[in-house]
């Protein structure tokens, strides 16, 4: 499967959780923006849920982006103000270097 540029029509923000320590030694955890990328965002249908064996609360959409080194399941994605938790990173079957399909859940735990 080839990924056409026209398929990537949504802007998605990639965020990573960062823990910092202030002068008093108090740790603060926050999300920082890593990058904004073009993506395909597809809500999953009921049929997709049944075929995958997942529940609607577990995986609600599939986001596909061009391959990006450094993507981690601990990151999260934001699209149109909705935060998505990453359930896994699935590289393309041909080379593993063209695109990444990311099953995501929305609103389950706000990415934490």
C-alpha atoms as a PDB file:
ATOM      1  CA  UNK A   1       0.000   0.000   0.000  1.00  0.00           C
ATOM      2  CA  UNK A   2       1.326   3.389  -0.947  1.00  0.00           C
ATOM      3  CA  UNK A   3       0.467   6.505   0.991  1.00  0.00           C
ATOM      4  CA  UNK A   4      -0.542   9.414  -1.253  1.00  0.00           C
ATOM      5  CA  UNK A   5       0.039  12.977  -0.088  1.00  0.00           C
ATOM      6  CA  UNK A   6      -3.686  13.709  -0.579  1.00  0.00           C
ATOM      7  CA  UNK A   7      -4.559  11.082   2.040  1.00  0.00           C
ATOM      8  CA  UNK A   8      -2.752  13.163   4.665  1.00  0.00           C
ATOM      9  CA  UNK A   9      -5.168  16.076   4.958  1.00  0.00           C
ATOM     10  CA  UNK A  10      -5.408  16.573   8.734  1.00  0.00           C
ATOM     11  CA  UNK A  11      -2.969  18.409  10.993  1.00  0.00           C
ATOM     12  CA  UNK A  12      -2.054  16.419  14.091  1.00  0.00           C
ATOM     13  CA  UNK A  13       0.054  17.625  17.002  1.00  0.00           C
ATOM     14  CA  UNK A  14       2.484  15.145  18.571  1.00  0.00           C
ATOM     15  CA  UNK A  15       3.097  15.660  22.296  1.00  0.00           C
ATOM     16  CA  UNK A  16       5.507  14.046  24.733  1.00  0.00           C
ATOM     17  CA  UNK A  17       5.283  13.924  28.514  1.00  0.00           C
ATOM     18  CA  UNK A  18       8.159  15.653  30.298  1.00  0.00           C
ATOM     19  CA  UNK A  19       8.974  15.734  34.001  1.00  0.00           C
ATOM     20  CA  UNK A  20      10.890  18.724  35.331  1.00  0.00           C
ATOM     21  CA  UNK A  21      12.199  19.543  38.794  1.00  0.00           C
ATOM     22  CA  UNK A  22      12.125  23.074  40.194  1.00  0.00           C
ATOM     23  CA  UNK A  23      14.673  24.643  42.574  1.00  0.00           C
ATOM     24  CA  UNK A  24      12.918  23.125  45.607  1.00  0.00           C
ATOM     25  CA  UNK A  25      13.069  19.627  44.122  1.00  0.00           C
ATOM     26  CA  UNK A  26       9.344  19.472  43.335  1.00  0.00           C
ATOM     27  CA  UNK A  27       8.617  17.446  40.206  1.00  0.00           C
ATOM     28  CA  UNK A  28       6.119  18.699  37.666  1.00  0.00           C
ATOM     29  CA  UNK A  29       4.864  16.590  34.778  1.00  0.00           C
ATOM     30  CA  UNK A  30       3.505  18.279  31.672  1.00  0.00           C
ATOM     31  CA  UNK A  31       2.973  17.653  27.963  1.00  0.00           C
ATOM     32  CA  UNK A  32       5.181  19.487  25.492  1.00  0.00           C
ATOM     33  CA  UNK A  33       4.660  19.853  21.756  1.00  0.00           C
ATOM     34  CA  UNK A  34       7.100  17.804  19.662  1.00  0.00           C
ATOM     35  CA  UNK A  35       5.871  18.548  16.144  1.00  0.00           C
ATOM     36  CA  UNK A  36       2.790  19.080  13.978  1.00  0.00           C
ATOM     37  CA  UNK A  37       2.468  16.617  11.094  1.00  0.00           C
ATOM     38  CA  UNK A  38       0.081  15.839   8.247  1.00  0.00           C
ATOM     39  CA  UNK A  39      -2.026  12.750   8.921  1.00  0.00           C
ATOM     40  CA  UNK A  40      -5.010  10.681   7.902  1.00  0.00           C
ATOM     41  CA  UNK A  41      -7.515  10.468  10.766  1.00  0.00           C
ATOM     42  CA  UNK A  42     -10.157   7.754  10.406  1.00  0.00           C
ATOM     43  CA  UNK A  43     -12.765   7.052  13.075  1.00  0.00           C
ATOM     44  CA  UNK A  44     -13.301   3.309  13.339  1.00  0.00           C
ATOM     45  CA  UNK A  45     -16.677   1.882  12.413  1.00  0.00           C
ATOM     46  CA  UNK A  46     -18.567  -0.678  14.503  1.00  0.00           C
ATOM     47  CA  UNK A  47     -17.426  -3.305  12.012  1.00  0.00           C
ATOM     48  CA  UNK A  48     -13.781  -2.345  12.611  1.00  0.00           C
ATOM     49  CA  UNK A  49     -14.315  -2.723  16.369  1.00  0.00           C
ATOM     50  CA  UNK A  50     -15.819  -6.182  15.979  1.00  0.00           C
ATOM     51  CA  UNK A  51     -13.079  -7.359  13.600  1.00  0.00           C
ATOM     52  CA  UNK A  52     -10.298  -6.079  15.845  1.00  0.00           C
ATOM     53  CA  UNK A  53     -11.778  -7.602  18.993  1.00  0.00           C
ATOM     54  CA  UNK A  54     -11.524  -4.231  20.718  1.00  0.00           C
ATOM     55  CA  UNK A  55     -14.155  -2.229  22.518  1.00  0.00           C
ATOM     56  CA  UNK A  56     -15.129   1.277  21.495  1.00  0.00           C
ATOM     57  CA  UNK A  57     -13.552   2.701  24.647  1.00  0.00           C
ATOM     58  CA  UNK A  58     -10.236   1.018  23.842  1.00  0.00           C
ATOM     59  CA  UNK A  59      -9.600   2.106  20.231  1.00  0.00           C
ATOM     60  CA  UNK A  60     -11.711   4.806  18.614  1.00  0.00           C
ATOM     61  CA  UNK A  61      -9.703   5.852  15.562  1.00  0.00           C
ATOM     62  CA  UNK A  62      -6.762   5.103  13.327  1.00  0.00           C
ATOM     63  CA  UNK A  63      -4.256   7.854  12.574  1.00  0.00           C
ATOM     64  CA  UNK A  64      -1.685   7.375   9.819  1.00  0.00           C
ATOM     65  CA  UNK A  65       1.397   9.573   9.456  1.00  0.00           C
ATOM     66  CA  UNK A  66       4.533   9.401   7.351  1.00  0.00           C
ATOM     67  CA  UNK A  67       7.309   7.430   9.050  1.00  0.00           C
ATOM     68  CA  UNK A  68       8.891   9.395  11.848  1.00  0.00           C
ATOM     69  CA  UNK A  69      11.886   8.190  13.842  1.00  0.00           C
ATOM     70  CA  UNK A  70      11.480   8.577  17.582  1.00  0.00           C
ATOM     71  CA  UNK A  71       7.716   7.971  17.801  1.00  0.00           C
ATOM     72  CA  UNK A  72       6.868   6.256  21.095  1.00  0.00           C
ATOM     73  CA  UNK A  73       3.660   4.717  22.479  1.00  0.00           C
ATOM     74  CA  UNK A  74       4.088   6.984  25.526  1.00  0.00           C
ATOM     75  CA  UNK A  75       3.429  10.058  23.355  1.00  0.00           C
ATOM     76  CA  UNK A  76      -0.031  11.360  22.521  1.00  0.00           C
ATOM     77  CA  UNK A  77      -1.689  13.037  19.542  1.00  0.00           C
ATOM     78  CA  UNK A  78      -4.025  16.025  19.409  1.00  0.00           C
ATOM     79  CA  UNK A  79      -6.412  16.578  16.499  1.00  0.00           C
ATOM     80  CA  UNK A  80      -9.046  19.348  16.444  1.00  0.00           C
ATOM     81  CA  UNK A  81      -8.758  19.791  20.208  1.00  0.00           C
ATOM     82  CA  UNK A  82      -9.276  16.064  20.933  1.00  0.00           C
ATOM     83  CA  UNK A  83      -6.483  14.260  22.762  1.00  0.00           C
ATOM     84  CA  UNK A  84      -5.715  10.727  21.603  1.00  0.00           C
ATOM     85  CA  UNK A  85      -3.744   8.109  23.532  1.00  0.00           C
ATOM     86  CA  UNK A  86      -1.513   5.892  21.410  1.00  0.00           C
ATOM     87  CA  UNK A  87      -2.433   2.200  21.640  1.00  0.00           C
ATOM     88  CA  UNK A  88       0.424   1.049  19.400  1.00  0.00           C
ATOM     89  CA  UNK A  89       2.663   1.914  16.460  1.00  0.00           C
ATOM     90  CA  UNK A  90       2.256  -0.197  13.317  1.00  0.00           C
ATOM     91  CA  UNK A  91       4.875   0.399  10.599  1.00  0.00           C
ATOM     92  CA  UNK A  92       3.973  -0.270   6.967  1.00  0.00           C
ATOM     93  CA  UNK A  93       4.419  -3.877   5.839  1.00  0.00           C
ATOM     94  CA  UNK A  94       6.662  -3.198   2.853  1.00  0.00           C
ATOM     95  CA  UNK A  95       9.654  -1.377   4.338  1.00  0.00           C
ATOM     96  CA  UNK A  96       8.591  -0.164   7.769  1.00  0.00           C
ATOM     97  CA  UNK A  97       9.899   3.250   6.753  1.00  0.00           C
ATOM     98  CA  UNK A  98       7.102   4.792   4.672  1.00  0.00           C
ATOM     99  CA  UNK A  99       4.285   5.351   7.163  1.00  0.00           C
ATOM    100  CA  UNK A 100       3.061   4.458  10.638  1.00  0.00           C
ATOM    101  CA  UNK A 101      -0.530   3.503  11.447  1.00  0.00           C
ATOM    102  CA  UNK A 102      -1.452   4.441  15.009  1.00  0.00           C
ATOM    103  CA  UNK A 103      -4.533   2.968  16.694  1.00  0.00           C
ATOM    104  CA  UNK A 104      -5.696   5.543  19.250  1.00  0.00           C
ATOM    105  CA  UNK A 105      -8.249   5.988  22.015  1.00  0.00           C
ATOM    106  CA  UNK A 106      -9.970   9.273  22.756  1.00  0.00           C
ATOM    107  CA  UNK A 107     -10.949  10.636  26.117  1.00  0.00           C
ATOM    108  CA  UNK A 108     -10.107   7.496  28.071  1.00  0.00           C
ATOM    109  CA  UNK A 109      -7.350   8.960  30.222  1.00  0.00           C
ATOM    110  CA  UNK A 110      -6.355  12.164  28.432  1.00  0.00           C
ATOM    111  CA  UNK A 111      -3.042  10.649  27.376  1.00  0.00           C
ATOM    112  CA  UNK A 112      -1.785   9.833  30.857  1.00  0.00           C
END
